[in-house]
PDB file of N, CA and C in Angstrom:
ATOM      1  N   MET A   1       0.783  -1.197  -0.004  1.00  0.00           N
ATOM      2  CA  MET A   1      -0.032  -0.028   0.066  1.00  0.00           C
ATOM      3  C   MET A   1       0.848   1.166   0.064  1.00  0.00           C
ATOM      4  N   THR A   2       1.961   1.254   0.587  1.00  0.00           N
ATOM      5  CA  THR A   2       2.831   2.424   0.689  1.00  0.00           C
ATOM      6  C   THR A   2       4.225   1.969   0.039  1.00  0.00           C
ATOM      7  N   LYS A   3       4.919   2.835  -0.461  1.00  0.00           N
ATOM      8  CA  LYS A   3       6.218   2.704  -1.172  1.00  0.00           C
ATOM      9  C   LYS A   3       7.200   3.753  -0.672  1.00  0.00           C
ATOM     10  N   GLN A   4       8.224   3.413  -0.047  1.00  0.00           N
ATOM     11  CA  GLN A   4       9.258   4.326   0.466  1.00  0.00           C
ATOM     12  C   GLN A   4      10.408   4.412  -0.352  1.00  0.00           C
ATOM     13  N   THR A   5      11.017   5.441  -0.815  1.00  0.00           N
ATOM     14  CA  THR A   5      12.063   5.597  -1.658  1.00  0.00           C
ATOM     15  C   THR A   5      12.788   6.865  -1.342  1.00  0.00           C
ATOM     16  N   LEU A   6      13.959   6.952  -1.920  1.00  0.00           N
ATOM     17  CA  LEU A   6      14.690   8.300  -1.814  1.00  0.00           C
ATOM     18  C   LEU A   6      14.753   8.833  -3.276  1.00  0.00           C
ATOM     19  N   ASP A   7      14.500  10.200  -3.353  1.00  0.00           N
ATOM     20  CA  ASP A   7      14.536  10.805  -4.686  1.00  0.00           C
ATOM     21  C   ASP A   7      16.038  11.249  -5.010  1.00  0.00           C
ATOM     22  N   SER A   8      16.134  11.790  -6.142  1.00  0.00           N
ATOM     23  CA  SER A   8      17.499  12.072  -6.766  1.00  0.00           C
ATOM     24  C   SER A   8      18.398  12.873  -5.844  1.00  0.00           C
ATOM     25  N   LYS A   9      17.818  13.757  -4.769  1.00  0.00           N
ATOM     26  CA  LYS A   9      18.426  14.539  -3.978  1.00  0.00           C
ATOM     27  C   LYS A   9      18.654  14.026  -2.622  1.00  0.00           C
ATOM     28  N   GLY A  10      18.101  12.684  -2.452  1.00  0.00           N
ATOM     29  CA  GLY A  10      18.349  12.010  -1.084  1.00  0.00           C
ATOM     30  C   GLY A  10      17.216  12.210  -0.158  1.00  0.00           C
ATOM     31  N   TYR A  11      16.159  12.861  -0.721  1.00  0.00           N
ATOM     32  CA  TYR A  11      15.031  13.080   0.231  1.00  0.00           C
ATOM     33  C   TYR A  11      14.079  11.877   0.329  1.00  0.00           C
ATOM     34  N   GLU A  12      13.491  11.593   1.384  1.00  0.00           N
ATOM     35  CA  GLU A  12      12.638  10.431   1.597  1.00  0.00           C
ATOM     36  C   GLU A  12      11.284  10.818   0.936  1.00  0.00           C
ATOM     37  N   THR A  13      10.732   9.789   0.230  1.00  0.00           N
ATOM     38  CA  THR A  13       9.607   9.977  -0.483  1.00  0.00           C
ATOM     39  C   THR A  13       8.650   8.859  -0.197  1.00  0.00           C
ATOM     40  N   VAL A  14       7.439   9.035   0.231  1.00  0.00           N
ATOM     41  CA  VAL A  14       6.556   7.991   0.520  1.00  0.00           C
ATOM     42  C   VAL A  14       5.372   8.133  -0.429  1.00  0.00           C
ATOM     43  N   THR A  15       4.955   6.927  -1.139  1.00  0.00           N
ATOM     44  CA  THR A  15       3.953   7.054  -2.006  1.00  0.00           C
ATOM     45  C   THR A  15       2.898   6.232  -1.498  1.00  0.00           C
ATOM     46  N   MET A  16       1.615   6.841  -1.365  1.00  0.00           N
ATOM     47  CA  MET A  16       0.473   5.918  -0.798  1.00  0.00           C
ATOM     48  C   MET A  16      -0.685   6.161  -1.841  1.00  0.00           C
ATOM     49  N   GLN A  17      -1.431   5.090  -1.846  1.00  0.00           N
ATOM     50  CA  GLN A  17      -2.610   5.036  -2.598  1.00  0.00           C
ATOM     51  C   GLN A  17      -3.882   5.531  -1.793  1.00  0.00           C
ATOM     52  N   VAL A  18      -4.212   6.817  -1.717  1.00  0.00           N
ATOM     53  CA  VAL A  18      -5.052   7.353  -0.733  1.00  0.00           C
ATOM     54  C   VAL A  18      -6.334   6.685  -1.019  1.00  0.00           C
ATOM     55  N   GLY A  19      -6.883   6.269  -2.156  1.00  0.00           N
ATOM     56  CA  GLY A  19      -8.044   5.717  -2.423  1.00  0.00           C
ATOM     57  C   GLY A  19      -8.233   4.379  -1.598  1.00  0.00           C
ATOM     58  N   LYS A  20      -7.180   3.581  -1.528  1.00  0.00           N
ATOM     59  CA  LYS A  20      -7.214   2.352  -0.798  1.00  0.00           C
ATOM     60  C   LYS A  20      -7.222   2.520   0.718  1.00  0.00           C
ATOM     61  N   ILE A  21      -6.459   3.585   1.108  1.00  0.00           N
ATOM     62  CA  ILE A  21      -6.371   3.871   2.529  1.00  0.00           C
ATOM     63  C   ILE A  21      -7.718   4.341   3.053  1.00  0.00           C
ATOM     64  N   THR A  22      -8.351   5.180   2.328  1.00  0.00           N
ATOM     65  CA  THR A  22      -9.637   5.887   2.827  1.00  0.00           C
ATOM     66  C   THR A  22     -11.039   5.091   2.426  1.00  0.00           C
ATOM     67  N   ALA A  23     -10.766   4.045   1.583  1.00  0.00           N
ATOM     68  CA  ALA A  23     -12.099   3.317   1.170  1.00  0.00           C
ATOM     69  C   ALA A  23     -12.829   2.874   2.367  1.00  0.00           C
ATOM     70  N   LYS A  24     -12.171   2.364   3.435  1.00  0.00           N
ATOM     71  CA  LYS A  24     -12.717   1.861   4.532  1.00  0.00           C
ATOM     72  C   LYS A  24     -13.540   2.980   5.248  1.00  0.00           C
ATOM     73  N   VAL A  25     -13.114   4.215   5.462  1.00  0.00           N
ATOM     74  CA  VAL A  25     -13.784   5.206   5.970  1.00  0.00           C
ATOM     75  C   VAL A  25     -14.985   5.688   5.053  1.00  0.00           C
ATOM     76  N   SER A  26     -14.594   5.930   3.829  1.00  0.00           N
ATOM     77  CA  SER A  26     -15.787   6.358   2.853  1.00  0.00           C
ATOM     78  C   SER A  26     -16.857   5.319   2.669  1.00  0.00           C
ATOM     79  N   GLY A  27     -16.588   4.120   2.806  1.00  0.00           N
ATOM     80  CA  GLY A  27     -17.468   3.077   2.520  1.00  0.00           C
ATOM     81  C   GLY A  27     -18.481   2.967   3.641  1.00  0.00           C
ATOM     82  N   VAL A  28     -18.624   3.614   4.530  1.00  0.00           N
ATOM     83  CA  VAL A  28     -19.556   3.678   5.741  1.00  0.00           C
ATOM     84  C   VAL A  28     -20.822   4.145   5.161  1.00  0.00           C
ATOM     85  N   LYS A  29     -21.752   3.331   5.240  1.00  0.00           N
ATOM     86  CA  LYS A  29     -23.149   3.578   4.711  1.00  0.00           C
ATOM     87  C   LYS A  29     -24.187   4.158   5.735  1.00  0.00           C
ATOM     88  N   ASN A  30     -23.818   3.863   6.909  1.00  0.00           N
ATOM     89  CA  ASN A  30     -24.783   4.240   7.982  1.00  0.00           C
ATOM     90  C   ASN A  30     -24.265   5.569   8.637  1.00  0.00           C
ATOM     91  N   GLY A  31     -24.892   6.744   8.320  1.00  0.00           N
ATOM     92  CA  GLY A  31     -24.443   7.993   8.861  1.00  0.00           C
ATOM     93  C   GLY A  31     -24.544   8.051  10.334  1.00  0.00           C
ATOM     94  N   LEU A  32     -25.452   7.215  10.947  1.00  0.00           N
ATOM     95  CA  LEU A  32     -25.613   7.194  12.450  1.00  0.00           C
ATOM     96  C   LEU A  32     -24.727   6.422  13.020  1.00  0.00           C
ATOM     97  N   ASN A  33     -23.797   5.832  12.405  1.00  0.00           N
ATOM     98  CA  ASN A  33     -22.905   4.884  13.033  1.00  0.00           C
ATOM     99  C   ASN A  33     -21.932   5.643  14.006  1.00  0.00           C
ATOM    100  N   THR A  34     -22.032   5.537  15.210  1.00  0.00           N
ATOM    101  CA  THR A  34     -21.173   6.343  16.080  1.00  0.00           C
ATOM    102  C   THR A  34     -19.915   5.611  16.567  1.00  0.00           C
ATOM    103  N   SER A  35     -19.812   4.407  16.135  1.00  0.00           N
ATOM    104  CA  SER A  35     -18.575   3.642  16.472  1.00  0.00           C
ATOM    105  C   SER A  35     -17.233   4.179  15.833  1.00  0.00           C
ATOM    106  N   THR A  36     -16.246   3.983  16.265  1.00  0.00           N
ATOM    107  CA  THR A  36     -15.096   4.629  15.808  1.00  0.00           C
ATOM    108  C   THR A  36     -14.143   3.570  15.010  1.00  0.00           C
ATOM    109  N   TYR A  37     -14.731   2.333  15.010  1.00  0.00           N
ATOM    110  CA  TYR A  37     -14.006   1.266  14.227  1.00  0.00           C
ATOM    111  C   TYR A  37     -13.591   1.634  12.864  1.00  0.00           C
ATOM    112  N   HIS A  38     -14.428   2.189  12.046  1.00  0.00           N
ATOM    113  CA  HIS A  38     -14.254   2.512  10.744  1.00  0.00           C
ATOM    114  C   HIS A  38     -13.184   3.702  10.470  1.00  0.00           C
ATOM    115  N   LEU A  39     -13.019   4.418  11.610  1.00  0.00           N
ATOM    116  CA  LEU A  39     -11.885   5.372  11.435  1.00  0.00           C
ATOM    117  C   LEU A  39     -10.560   4.974  11.753  1.00  0.00           C
ATOM    118  N   LYS A  40     -10.350   3.709  12.221  1.00  0.00           N
ATOM    119  CA  LYS A  40      -9.074   3.238  12.495  1.00  0.00           C
ATOM    120  C   LYS A  40      -8.433   2.660  11.186  1.00  0.00           C
ATOM    121  N   VAL A  41      -7.827   3.559  10.513  1.00  0.00           N
ATOM    122  CA  VAL A  41      -7.343   3.203   9.145  1.00  0.00           C
ATOM    123  C   VAL A  41      -5.777   3.568   9.269  1.00  0.00           C
ATOM    124  N   ALA A  42      -4.889   2.615   8.695  1.00  0.00           N
ATOM    125  CA  ALA A  42      -3.600   3.010   8.676  1.00  0.00           C
ATOM    126  C   ALA A  42      -3.377   4.281   7.956  1.00  0.00           C
ATOM    127  N   HIS A  43      -2.374   5.001   8.208  1.00  0.00           N
ATOM    128  CA  HIS A  43      -1.916   6.266   7.670  1.00  0.00           C
ATOM    129  C   HIS A  43      -2.939   7.316   7.662  1.00  0.00           C
ATOM    130  N   ILE A  44      -4.156   7.258   8.358  1.00  0.00           N
ATOM    131  CA  ILE A  44      -5.041   8.349   8.246  1.00  0.00           C
ATOM    132  C   ILE A  44      -4.544   9.753   8.886  1.00  0.00           C
ATOM    133  N   GLN A  45      -3.564   9.659   9.803  1.00  0.00           N
ATOM    134  CA  GLN A  45      -3.147  10.797  10.142  1.00  0.00           C
ATOM    135  C   GLN A  45      -2.257  11.566   9.119  1.00  0.00           C
ATOM    136  N   THR A  46      -1.539  10.797   8.240  1.00  0.00           N
ATOM    137  CA  THR A  46      -0.920  11.237   7.212  1.00  0.00           C
ATOM    138  C   THR A  46      -1.760  12.015   6.253  1.00  0.00           C
ATOM    139  N   ILE A  47      -2.864  11.395   5.897  1.00  0.00           N
ATOM    140  CA  ILE A  47      -3.944  11.897   4.967  1.00  0.00           C
ATOM    141  C   ILE A  47      -4.413  13.186   5.594  1.00  0.00           C
ATOM    142  N   PHE A  48      -4.750  13.215   6.789  1.00  0.00           N
ATOM    143  CA  PHE A  48      -5.188  14.418   7.514  1.00  0.00           C
ATOM    144  C   PHE A  48      -4.239  15.611   7.337  1.00  0.00           C
ATOM    145  N   GLN A  49      -2.979  15.150   7.526  1.00  0.00           N
ATOM    146  CA  GLN A  49      -1.728  16.188   7.463  1.00  0.00           C
ATOM    147  C   GLN A  49      -1.687  16.702   6.056  1.00  0.00           C
ATOM    148  N   ILE A  50      -1.800  15.836   5.009  1.00  0.00           N
ATOM    149  CA  ILE A  50      -1.727  16.351   3.736  1.00  0.00           C
ATOM    150  C   ILE A  50      -2.800  17.171   3.428  1.00  0.00           C
ATOM    151  N   TYR A  51      -4.133  16.883   3.767  1.00  0.00           N
ATOM    152  CA  TYR A  51      -5.283  17.603   3.665  1.00  0.00           C
ATOM    153  C   TYR A  51      -5.023  19.096   4.317  1.00  0.00           C
ATOM    154  N   ASP A  52      -4.627  19.003   5.548  1.00  0.00           N
ATOM    155  CA  ASP A  52      -4.311  20.361   6.189  1.00  0.00           C
ATOM    156  C   ASP A  52      -3.329  21.194   5.505  1.00  0.00           C
ATOM    157  N   ASP A  53      -2.306  20.499   5.006  1.00  0.00           N
ATOM    158  CA  ASP A  53      -1.207  21.311   4.425  1.00  0.00           C
ATOM    159  C   ASP A  53      -1.713  21.899   3.050  1.00  0.00           C
ATOM    160  N   LEU A  54      -2.478  21.120   2.272  1.00  0.00           N
ATOM    161  CA  LEU A  54      -3.056  21.701   0.948  1.00  0.00           C
ATOM    162  C   LEU A  54      -4.112  22.782   1.192  1.00  0.00           C
ATOM    163  N   SER A  55      -5.014  22.711   2.288  1.00  0.00           N
ATOM    164  CA  SER A  55      -5.958  23.712   2.695  1.00  0.00           C
ATOM    165  C   SER A  55      -5.112  24.997   3.014  1.00  0.00           C
ATOM    166  N   ARG A  56      -4.078  24.916   3.795  1.00  0.00           N
ATOM    167  CA  ARG A  56      -3.277  26.143   4.046  1.00  0.00           C
ATOM    168  C   ARG A  56      -2.682  26.790   2.902  1.00  0.00           C
ATOM    169  N   LEU A  57      -2.197  25.841   2.119  1.00  0.00           N
ATOM    170  CA  LEU A  57      -1.532  26.382   0.695  1.00  0.00           C
ATOM    171  C   LEU A  57      -2.613  27.147  -0.033  1.00  0.00           C
ATOM    172  N   VAL A  58      -3.839  26.491  -0.223  1.00  0.00           N
ATOM    173  CA  VAL A  58      -4.868  27.121  -0.989  1.00  0.00           C
ATOM    174  C   VAL A  58      -5.367  28.491  -0.495  1.00  0.00           C
ATOM    175  N   SER A  59      -5.423  28.526   0.872  1.00  0.00           N
ATOM    176  CA  SER A  59      -5.710  29.685   1.645  1.00  0.00           C
ATOM    177  C   SER A  59      -4.741  30.839   1.359  1.00  0.00           C
ATOM    178  N   ALA A  60      -3.448  30.431   1.515  1.00  0.00           N
ATOM    179  CA  ALA A  60      -2.421  31.465   1.337  1.00  0.00           C
ATOM    180  C   ALA A  60      -2.463  31.892  -0.104  1.00  0.00           C
ATOM    181  N   TYR A  61      -2.724  31.162  -1.057  1.00  0.00           N
ATOM    182  CA  TYR A  61      -2.835  31.531  -2.490  1.00  0.00           C
ATOM    183  C   TYR A  61      -4.027  32.485  -2.720  1.00  0.00           C
ATOM    184  N   GLY A  62      -5.065  32.077  -2.014  1.00  0.00           N
ATOM    185  CA  GLY A  62      -6.116  33.076  -2.216  1.00  0.00           C
ATOM    186  C   GLY A  62      -5.935  34.428  -1.650  1.00  0.00           C
ATOM    187  N   GLU A  63      -5.271  34.387  -0.522  1.00  0.00           N
ATOM    188  CA  GLU A  63      -4.846  35.796   0.012  1.00  0.00           C
ATOM    189  C   GLU A  63      -3.872  36.549  -0.946  1.00  0.00           C
ATOM    190  N   LEU A  64      -3.004  35.825  -1.534  1.00  0.00           N
ATOM    191  CA  LEU A  64      -2.133  36.511  -2.449  1.00  0.00           C
ATOM    192  C   LEU A  64      -2.781  37.030  -3.721  1.00  0.00           C
ATOM    193  N   VAL A  65      -3.758  36.245  -4.161  1.00  0.00           N
ATOM    194  CA  VAL A  65      -4.512  36.614  -5.338  1.00  0.00           C
ATOM    195  C   VAL A  65      -5.406  37.753  -5.046  1.00  0.00           C
ATOM    196  N   ALA A  66      -6.007  37.945  -3.860  1.00  0.00           N
ATOM    197  CA  ALA A  66      -6.626  39.019  -3.431  1.00  0.00           C
ATOM    198  C   ALA A  66      -5.871  40.313  -3.402  1.00  0.00           C
ATOM    199  N   GLN A  67      -4.623  40.159  -2.959  1.00  0.00           N
ATOM    200  CA  GLN A  67      -3.709  41.381  -2.781  1.00  0.00           C
ATOM    201  C   GLN A  67      -3.263  41.762  -4.146  1.00  0.00           C
ATOM    202  N   ASP A  68      -3.055  40.836  -5.153  1.00  0.00           N
ATOM    203  CA  ASP A  68      -2.599  41.146  -6.502  1.00  0.00           C
ATOM    204  C   ASP A  68      -3.681  41.816  -7.116  1.00  0.00           C
ATOM    205  N   LEU A  69      -4.935  41.358  -6.945  1.00  0.00           N
ATOM    206  CA  LEU A  69      -6.198  42.010  -7.682  1.00  0.00           C
ATOM    207  C   LEU A  69      -6.298  43.415  -7.194  1.00  0.00           C
ATOM    208  N   GLN A  70      -6.091  43.699  -5.866  1.00  0.00           N
ATOM    209  CA  GLN A  70      -6.141  44.991  -5.402  1.00  0.00           C
ATOM    210  C   GLN A  70      -4.999  45.943  -6.101  1.00  0.00           C
ATOM    211  N   GLU A  71      -3.832  45.349  -6.155  1.00  0.00           N
ATOM    212  CA  GLU A  71      -2.670  46.013  -6.903  1.00  0.00           C
ATOM    213  C   GLU A  71      -3.047  46.337  -8.255  1.00  0.00           C
ATOM    214  N   PHE A  72      -3.596  45.363  -9.064  1.00  0.00           N
ATOM    215  CA  PHE A  72      -3.980  45.596 -10.484  1.00  0.00           C
ATOM    216  C   PHE A  72      -5.057  46.615 -10.690  1.00  0.00           C
ATOM    217  N   ARG A  73      -6.025  46.678  -9.709  1.00  0.00           N
ATOM    218  CA  ARG A  73      -6.938  47.669  -9.782  1.00  0.00           C
ATOM    219  C   ARG A  73      -6.321  49.047  -9.745  1.00  0.00           C
ATOM    220  N   GLN A  74      -5.463  49.184  -8.646  1.00  0.00           N
ATOM    221  CA  GLN A  74      -4.722  50.425  -8.414  1.00  0.00           C
ATOM    222  C   GLN A  74      -3.951  50.878  -9.673  1.00  0.00           C
ATOM    223  N   VAL A  75      -3.439  49.954 -10.370  1.00  0.00           N
ATOM    224  CA  VAL A  75      -2.708  50.298 -11.532  1.00  0.00           C
ATOM    225  C   VAL A  75      -3.641  50.777 -12.636  1.00  0.00           C
ATOM    226  N   GLY A  76      -4.731  50.099 -12.764  1.00  0.00           N
ATOM    227  CA  GLY A  76      -5.757  50.638 -13.575  1.00  0.00           C
ATOM    228  C   GLY A  76      -6.252  51.854 -13.403  1.00  0.00           C
ATOM    229  N   VAL A  77      -6.508  52.183 -12.103  1.00  0.00           N
ATOM    230  CA  VAL A  77      -6.912  53.528 -11.682  1.00  0.00           C
ATOM    231  C   VAL A  77      -5.924  54.546 -12.122  1.00  0.00           C
ATOM    232  N   ASN A  78      -4.556  54.190 -11.888  1.00  0.00           N
ATOM    233  CA  ASN A  78      -3.401  55.120 -12.284  1.00  0.00           C
ATOM    234  C   ASN A  78      -3.277  55.383 -13.707  1.00  0.00           C
ATOM    235  N   ILE A  79      -3.578  54.309 -14.469  1.00  0.00           N
ATOM    236  CA  ILE A  79      -3.472  54.502 -15.968  1.00  0.00           C
ATOM    237  C   ILE A  79      -4.584  55.420 -16.364  1.00  0.00           C
ATOM    238  N   GLN A  80      -5.722  55.226 -15.782  1.00  0.00           N
ATOM    239  CA  GLN A  80      -6.874  56.103 -16.268  1.00  0.00           C
ATOM    240  C   GLN A  80      -6.647  57.567 -15.891  1.00  0.00           C
ATOM    241  N   GLN A  81      -6.092  57.786 -14.772  1.00  0.00           N
ATOM    242  CA  GLN A  81      -5.655  59.211 -14.240  1.00  0.00           C
ATOM    243  C   GLN A  81      -4.711  59.820 -15.238  1.00  0.00           C
ATOM    244  N   THR A  82      -3.720  58.848 -15.539  1.00  0.00           N
ATOM    245  CA  THR A  82      -2.540  59.448 -16.322  1.00  0.00           C
ATOM    246  C   THR A  82      -3.132  59.727 -17.836  1.00  0.00           C
ATOM    247  N   ASP A  83      -4.057  58.953 -18.266  1.00  0.00           N
ATOM    248  CA  ASP A  83      -4.679  59.172 -19.621  1.00  0.00           C
ATOM    249  C   ASP A  83      -5.480  60.420 -19.575  1.00  0.00           C
ATOM    250  N   LYS A  84      -6.145  60.811 -18.481  1.00  0.00           N
ATOM    251  CA  LYS A  84      -7.022  61.881 -18.446  1.00  0.00           C
ATOM    252  C   LYS A  84      -6.058  63.222 -18.415  1.00  0.00           C
ATOM    253  N   GLU A  85      -4.966  63.084 -17.682  1.00  0.00           N
ATOM    254  CA  GLU A  85      -3.948  64.125 -17.552  1.00  0.00           C
ATOM    255  C   GLU A  85      -3.411  64.543 -18.867  1.00  0.00           C
ATOM    256  N   VAL A  86      -2.959  63.413 -19.517  1.00  0.00           N
ATOM    257  CA  VAL A  86      -2.315  63.595 -20.917  1.00  0.00           C
ATOM    258  C   VAL A  86      -3.164  64.182 -22.015  1.00  0.00           C
ATOM    259  N   SER A  87      -4.565  63.813 -21.780  1.00  0.00           N
ATOM    260  CA  SER A  87      -5.452  64.331 -22.744  1.00  0.00           C
ATOM    261  C   SER A  87      -5.841  65.813 -22.575  1.00  0.00           C
ATOM    262  N   LYS A  88      -5.559  66.427 -21.532  1.00  0.00           N
ATOM    263  CA  LYS A  88      -5.938  67.829 -21.235  1.00  0.00           C
ATOM    264  C   LYS A  88      -5.122  68.810 -22.035  1.00  0.00           C
TER     265      LYS A  88
END
């Protein structure tokens, strides 16, 4: 299920098939099932860590995009003002 290797720079790389790991959790059909047995899946902490890291990355990217959009709008305003001044 997991494959552990070293990449060309010597960093440890672990490859997992997330679908197989989480199938046990996602296959629960009874939403009222309050037992925790179906949550005892190997590597589930790793999956949660990856999800958390990706969520933070997307959030940071969204903040940067919002800042860039504000800067582009300001540039647009400056261009319009410059055009008005030149045309006088």
